[in-house]
Amino acid sequence: MTDPNPRKDPSDWTTGDEPMTGPQKSYLQTLAQEAGEEVPEELTKAEASERIDELQRSTGRGA
């Protein structure tokens, strides 16, 4: 059975070089604060997604 929600590598996104979205920025700030870390203000969509994944693992939040 195939995964109904396949995950595409952010480096393969066609819009990955665009600035991160508002929701990404907000969630990233929440996770970073919880982890006691700082994140750069100017991330791309792909970079923000990867950083969110890292912070979710370190904080135990998310999928």
PDB file of N, CA and C in Angstrom:
ATOM      1  N   MET A   1       0.846  -1.184   0.000  1.00  0.00           N
ATOM      2  CA  MET A   1       0.000   0.000   0.000  1.00  0.00           C
ATOM      3  C   MET A   1       0.888   1.242   0.000  1.00  0.00           C
ATOM      4  N   THR A   2       0.552   2.207  -0.809  1.00  0.00           N
ATOM      5  CA  THR A   2       1.338   3.433  -0.867  1.00  0.00           C
ATOM      6  C   THR A   2       0.913   4.419   0.205  1.00  0.00           C
ATOM      7  N   ASP A   3       1.870   5.244   0.584  1.00  0.00           N
ATOM      8  CA  ASP A   3       1.621   6.277   1.588  1.00  0.00           C
ATOM      9  C   ASP A   3       0.666   7.316   0.999  1.00  0.00           C
ATOM     10  N   PRO A   4      -0.470   7.583   1.649  1.00  0.00           N
ATOM     11  CA  PRO A   4      -1.421   8.559   1.110  1.00  0.00           C
ATOM     12  C   PRO A   4      -0.885   9.991   1.169  1.00  0.00           C
ATOM     13  N   ASN A   5       0.126  10.232   1.999  1.00  0.00           N
ATOM     14  CA  ASN A   5       0.736  11.560   2.120  1.00  0.00           C
ATOM     15  C   ASN A   5       2.248  11.455   1.962  1.00  0.00           C
ATOM     16  N   PRO A   6       2.705  11.180   0.742  1.00  0.00           N
ATOM     17  CA  PRO A   6       4.150  11.037   0.561  1.00  0.00           C
ATOM     18  C   PRO A   6       4.874  12.345   0.880  1.00  0.00           C
ATOM     19  N   ARG A   7       6.034  12.242   1.486  1.00  0.00           N
ATOM     20  CA  ARG A   7       6.809  13.418   1.876  1.00  0.00           C
ATOM     21  C   ARG A   7       7.870  13.665   0.819  1.00  0.00           C
ATOM     22  N   LYS A   8       7.857  14.846   0.254  1.00  0.00           N
ATOM     23  CA  LYS A   8       8.838  15.216  -0.750  1.00  0.00           C
ATOM     24  C   LYS A   8       9.979  15.958  -0.069  1.00  0.00           C
ATOM     25  N   ASP A   9      11.192  15.625  -0.434  1.00  0.00           N
ATOM     26  CA  ASP A   9      12.371  16.276   0.126  1.00  0.00           C
ATOM     27  C   ASP A   9      12.312  17.774  -0.177  1.00  0.00           C
ATOM     28  N   PRO A  10      12.446  18.628   0.855  1.00  0.00           N
ATOM     29  CA  PRO A  10      12.363  20.074   0.626  1.00  0.00           C
ATOM     30  C   PRO A  10      13.345  20.587  -0.422  1.00  0.00           C
ATOM     31  N   SER A  11      14.487  19.921  -0.580  1.00  0.00           N
ATOM     32  CA  SER A  11      15.450  20.376  -1.585  1.00  0.00           C
ATOM     33  C   SER A  11      14.927  20.163  -3.000  1.00  0.00           C
ATOM     34  N   ASP A  12      13.876  19.347  -3.150  1.00  0.00           N
ATOM     35  CA  ASP A  12      13.275  19.100  -4.462  1.00  0.00           C
ATOM     36  C   ASP A  12      12.058  19.984  -4.739  1.00  0.00           C
ATOM     37  N   TRP A  13      11.657  20.809  -3.778  1.00  0.00           N
ATOM     38  CA  TRP A  13      10.487  21.661  -3.961  1.00  0.00           C
ATOM     39  C   TRP A  13      10.759  22.695  -5.046  1.00  0.00           C
ATOM     40  N   THR A  14       9.780  22.930  -5.905  1.00  0.00           N
ATOM     41  CA  THR A  14       9.944  23.957  -6.931  1.00  0.00           C
ATOM     42  C   THR A  14       9.882  25.356  -6.331  1.00  0.00           C
ATOM     43  N   THR A  15       9.234  25.505  -5.190  1.00  0.00           N
ATOM     44  CA  THR A  15       9.143  26.817  -4.529  1.00  0.00           C
ATOM     45  C   THR A  15      10.025  26.880  -3.288  1.00  0.00           C
ATOM     46  N   GLY A  16      10.939  25.939  -3.136  1.00  0.00           N
ATOM     47  CA  GLY A  16      11.774  25.866  -1.946  1.00  0.00           C
ATOM     48  C   GLY A  16      12.671  27.064  -1.718  1.00  0.00           C
ATOM     49  N   ASP A  17      12.987  27.798  -2.792  1.00  0.00           N
ATOM     50  CA  ASP A  17      13.865  28.966  -2.663  1.00  0.00           C
ATOM     51  C   ASP A  17      13.115  30.231  -2.281  1.00  0.00           C
ATOM     52  N   GLU A  18      11.797  30.165  -2.239  1.00  0.00           N
ATOM     53  CA  GLU A  18      11.008  31.341  -1.860  1.00  0.00           C
ATOM     54  C   GLU A  18      11.103  31.556  -0.355  1.00  0.00           C
ATOM     55  N   PRO A  19      10.853  32.784   0.118  1.00  0.00           N
ATOM     56  CA  PRO A  19      10.888  33.041   1.563  1.00  0.00           C
ATOM     57  C   PRO A  19       9.875  32.169   2.300  1.00  0.00           C
ATOM     58  N   MET A  20      10.216  31.824   3.550  1.00  0.00           N
ATOM     59  CA  MET A  20       9.298  30.999   4.339  1.00  0.00           C
ATOM     60  C   MET A  20       7.950  31.694   4.463  1.00  0.00           C
ATOM     61  N   THR A  21       6.922  30.904   4.657  1.00  0.00           N
ATOM     62  CA  THR A  21       5.565  31.436   4.775  1.00  0.00           C
ATOM     63  C   THR A  21       5.337  31.973   6.189  1.00  0.00           C
ATOM     64  N   GLY A  22       4.282  32.739   6.349  1.00  0.00           N
ATOM     65  CA  GLY A  22       3.918  33.257   7.664  1.00  0.00           C
ATOM     66  C   GLY A  22       3.683  32.153   8.683  1.00  0.00           C
ATOM     67  N   PRO A  23       2.896  31.123   8.319  1.00  0.00           N
ATOM     68  CA  PRO A  23       2.683  30.027   9.265  1.00  0.00           C
ATOM     69  C   PRO A  23       3.978  29.289   9.627  1.00  0.00           C
ATOM     70  N   GLN A  24       4.869  29.109   8.653  1.00  0.00           N
ATOM     71  CA  GLN A  24       6.151  28.470   8.949  1.00  0.00           C
ATOM     72  C   GLN A  24       6.931  29.307   9.967  1.00  0.00           C
ATOM     73  N   LYS A  25       6.980  30.605   9.733  1.00  0.00           N
ATOM     74  CA  LYS A  25       7.731  31.502  10.614  1.00  0.00           C
ATOM     75  C   LYS A  25       7.170  31.468  12.033  1.00  0.00           C
ATOM     76  N   SER A  26       5.863  31.523  12.149  1.00  0.00           N
ATOM     77  CA  SER A  26       5.220  31.511  13.454  1.00  0.00           C
ATOM     78  C   SER A  26       5.505  30.206  14.199  1.00  0.00           C
ATOM     79  N   TYR A  27       5.342  29.086  13.518  1.00  0.00           N
ATOM     80  CA  TYR A  27       5.562  27.787  14.154  1.00  0.00           C
ATOM     81  C   TYR A  27       7.037  27.606  14.506  1.00  0.00           C
ATOM     82  N   LEU A  28       7.905  28.055  13.616  1.00  0.00           N
ATOM     83  CA  LEU A  28       9.339  27.963  13.854  1.00  0.00           C
ATOM     84  C   LEU A  28       9.738  28.768  15.090  1.00  0.00           C
ATOM     85  N   GLN A  29       9.172  29.951  15.234  1.00  0.00           N
ATOM     86  CA  GLN A  29       9.461  30.778  16.408  1.00  0.00           C
ATOM     87  C   GLN A  29       8.978  30.093  17.687  1.00  0.00           C
ATOM     88  N   THR A  30       7.807  29.476  17.638  1.00  0.00           N
ATOM     89  CA  THR A  30       7.272  28.761  18.799  1.00  0.00           C
ATOM     90  C   THR A  30       8.186  27.603  19.188  1.00  0.00           C
ATOM     91  N   LEU A  31       8.579  26.801  18.208  1.00  0.00           N
ATOM     92  CA  LEU A  31       9.451  25.658  18.479  1.00  0.00           C
ATOM     93  C   LEU A  31      10.820  26.103  18.985  1.00  0.00           C
ATOM     94  N   ALA A  32      11.375  27.135  18.364  1.00  0.00           N
ATOM     95  CA  ALA A  32      12.696  27.620  18.760  1.00  0.00           C
ATOM     96  C   ALA A  32      12.676  28.140  20.189  1.00  0.00           C
ATOM     97  N   GLN A  33      11.620  28.855  20.546  1.00  0.00           N
ATOM     98  CA  GLN A  33      11.499  29.374  21.909  1.00  0.00           C
ATOM     99  C   GLN A  33      11.436  28.213  22.901  1.00  0.00           C
ATOM    100  N   GLU A  34      10.657  27.203  22.564  1.00  0.00           N
ATOM    101  CA  GLU A  34      10.526  26.035  23.435  1.00  0.00           C
ATOM    102  C   GLU A  34      11.857  25.303  23.586  1.00  0.00           C
ATOM    103  N   ALA A  35      12.647  25.278  22.508  1.00  0.00           N
ATOM    104  CA  ALA A  35      13.936  24.580  22.522  1.00  0.00           C
ATOM    105  C   ALA A  35      15.059  25.456  23.067  1.00  0.00           C
ATOM    106  N   GLY A  36      14.763  26.739  23.322  1.00  0.00           N
ATOM    107  CA  GLY A  36      15.791  27.652  23.808  1.00  0.00           C
ATOM    108  C   GLY A  36      16.815  27.996  22.746  1.00  0.00           C
ATOM    109  N   GLU A  37      16.367  28.036  21.504  1.00  0.00           N
ATOM    110  CA  GLU A  37      17.255  28.324  20.380  1.00  0.00           C
ATOM    111  C   GLU A  37      16.759  29.542  19.623  1.00  0.00           C
ATOM    112  N   GLU A  38      17.652  30.084  18.804  1.00  0.00           N
ATOM    113  CA  GLU A  38      17.282  31.190  17.930  1.00  0.00           C
ATOM    114  C   GLU A  38      17.351  30.695  16.496  1.00  0.00           C
ATOM    115  N   VAL A  39      16.514  31.271  15.650  1.00  0.00           N
ATOM    116  CA  VAL A  39      16.534  30.914  14.233  1.00  0.00           C
ATOM    117  C   VAL A  39      16.678  32.187  13.411  1.00  0.00           C
ATOM    118  N   PRO A  40      17.351  32.099  12.275  1.00  0.00           N
ATOM    119  CA  PRO A  40      17.491  33.270  11.412  1.00  0.00           C
ATOM    120  C   PRO A  40      16.131  33.750  10.913  1.00  0.00           C
ATOM    121  N   GLU A  41      16.016  35.039  10.719  1.00  0.00           N
ATOM    122  CA  GLU A  41      14.769  35.624  10.224  1.00  0.00           C
ATOM    123  C   GLU A  41      14.543  35.321   8.744  1.00  0.00           C
ATOM    124  N   GLU A  42      15.616  35.212   7.991  1.00  0.00           N
ATOM    125  CA  GLU A  42      15.510  35.059   6.537  1.00  0.00           C
ATOM    126  C   GLU A  42      15.817  33.632   6.107  1.00  0.00           C
ATOM    127  N   LEU A  43      14.833  32.769   6.185  1.00  0.00           N
ATOM    128  CA  LEU A  43      14.977  31.395   5.714  1.00  0.00           C
ATOM    129  C   LEU A  43      14.089  31.182   4.497  1.00  0.00           C
ATOM    130  N   THR A  44      14.477  30.230   3.668  1.00  0.00           N
ATOM    131  CA  THR A  44      13.616  29.845   2.552  1.00  0.00           C
ATOM    132  C   THR A  44      12.571  28.863   3.067  1.00  0.00           C
ATOM    133  N   LYS A  45      11.590  28.579   2.226  1.00  0.00           N
ATOM    134  CA  LYS A  45      10.573  27.590   2.599  1.00  0.00           C
ATOM    135  C   LYS A  45      11.221  26.250   2.925  1.00  0.00           C
ATOM    136  N   ALA A  46      12.171  25.832   2.090  1.00  0.00           N
ATOM    137  CA  ALA A  46      12.826  24.543   2.295  1.00  0.00           C
ATOM    138  C   ALA A  46      13.645  24.540   3.581  1.00  0.00           C
ATOM    139  N   GLU A  47      14.412  25.607   3.823  1.00  0.00           N
ATOM    140  CA  GLU A  47      15.219  25.688   5.045  1.00  0.00           C
ATOM    141  C   GLU A  47      14.329  25.691   6.284  1.00  0.00           C
ATOM    142  N   ALA A  48      13.238  26.437   6.223  1.00  0.00           N
ATOM    143  CA  ALA A  48      12.314  26.503   7.357  1.00  0.00           C
ATOM    144  C   ALA A  48      11.710  25.129   7.632  1.00  0.00           C
ATOM    145  N   SER A  49      11.334  24.414   6.590  1.00  0.00           N
ATOM    146  CA  SER A  49      10.755  23.085   6.760  1.00  0.00           C
ATOM    147  C   SER A  49      11.748  22.139   7.429  1.00  0.00           C
ATOM    148  N   GLU A  50      12.995  22.182   6.985  1.00  0.00           N
ATOM    149  CA  GLU A  50      14.014  21.313   7.564  1.00  0.00           C
ATOM    150  C   GLU A  50      14.277  21.683   9.021  1.00  0.00           C
ATOM    151  N   ARG A  51      14.307  22.972   9.313  1.00  0.00           N
ATOM    152  CA  ARG A  51      14.547  23.431  10.691  1.00  0.00           C
ATOM    153  C   ARG A  51      13.373  23.047  11.595  1.00  0.00           C
ATOM    154  N   ILE A  52      12.158  23.150  11.068  1.00  0.00           N
ATOM    155  CA  ILE A  52      10.974  22.730  11.828  1.00  0.00           C
ATOM    156  C   ILE A  52      11.084  21.248  12.168  1.00  0.00           C
ATOM    157  N   ASP A  53      11.469  20.428  11.199  1.00  0.00           N
ATOM    158  CA  ASP A  53      11.625  18.990  11.450  1.00  0.00           C
ATOM    159  C   ASP A  53      12.647  18.739  12.559  1.00  0.00           C
ATOM    160  N   GLU A  54      13.779  19.449  12.502  1.00  0.00           N
ATOM    161  CA  GLU A  54      14.824  19.284  13.519  1.00  0.00           C
ATOM    162  C   GLU A  54      14.305  19.668  14.901  1.00  0.00           C
ATOM    163  N   LEU A  55      13.628  20.808  14.970  1.00  0.00           N
ATOM    164  CA  LEU A  55      13.126  21.283  16.260  1.00  0.00           C
ATOM    165  C   LEU A  55      12.003  20.399  16.792  1.00  0.00           C
ATOM    166  N   GLN A  56      11.187  19.848  15.903  1.00  0.00           N
ATOM    167  CA  GLN A  56      10.142  18.923  16.354  1.00  0.00           C
ATOM    168  C   GLN A  56      10.775  17.694  16.993  1.00  0.00           C
ATOM    169  N   ARG A  57      11.844  17.196  16.391  1.00  0.00           N
ATOM    170  CA  ARG A  57      12.528  16.033  16.968  1.00  0.00           C
ATOM    171  C   ARG A  57      13.136  16.382  18.326  1.00  0.00           C
ATOM    172  N   SER A  58      13.762  17.553  18.428  1.00  0.00           N
ATOM    173  CA  SER A  58      14.443  17.902  19.681  1.00  0.00           C
ATOM    174  C   SER A  58      13.470  18.260  20.803  1.00  0.00           C
ATOM    175  N   THR A  59      12.276  18.742  20.449  1.00  0.00           N
ATOM    176  CA  THR A  59      11.304  19.117  21.477  1.00  0.00           C
ATOM    177  C   THR A  59      10.266  18.030  21.732  1.00  0.00           C
ATOM    178  N   GLY A  60      10.210  17.029  20.858  1.00  0.00           N
ATOM    179  CA  GLY A  60       9.213  15.973  21.011  1.00  0.00           C
ATOM    180  C   GLY A  60       7.841  16.377  20.510  1.00  0.00           C
ATOM    181  N   ARG A  61       7.771  17.468  19.749  1.00  0.00           N
ATOM    182  CA  ARG A  61       6.490  17.919  19.197  1.00  0.00           C
ATOM    183  C   ARG A  61       6.356  17.459  17.758  1.00  0.00           C
ATOM    184  N   GLY A  62       5.153  17.508  17.278  1.00  0.00           N
ATOM    185  CA  GLY A  62       4.918  17.207  15.868  1.00  0.00           C
ATOM    186  C   GLY A  62       4.779  15.725  15.597  1.00  0.00           C
ATOM    187  N   ALA A  63       4.859  15.406  14.319  1.00  0.00           N
ATOM    188  CA  ALA A  63       4.635  14.029  13.863  1.00  0.00           C
ATOM    189  C   ALA A  63       5.731  13.087  14.274  1.00  0.00           C
TER     190      ALA A  63
END
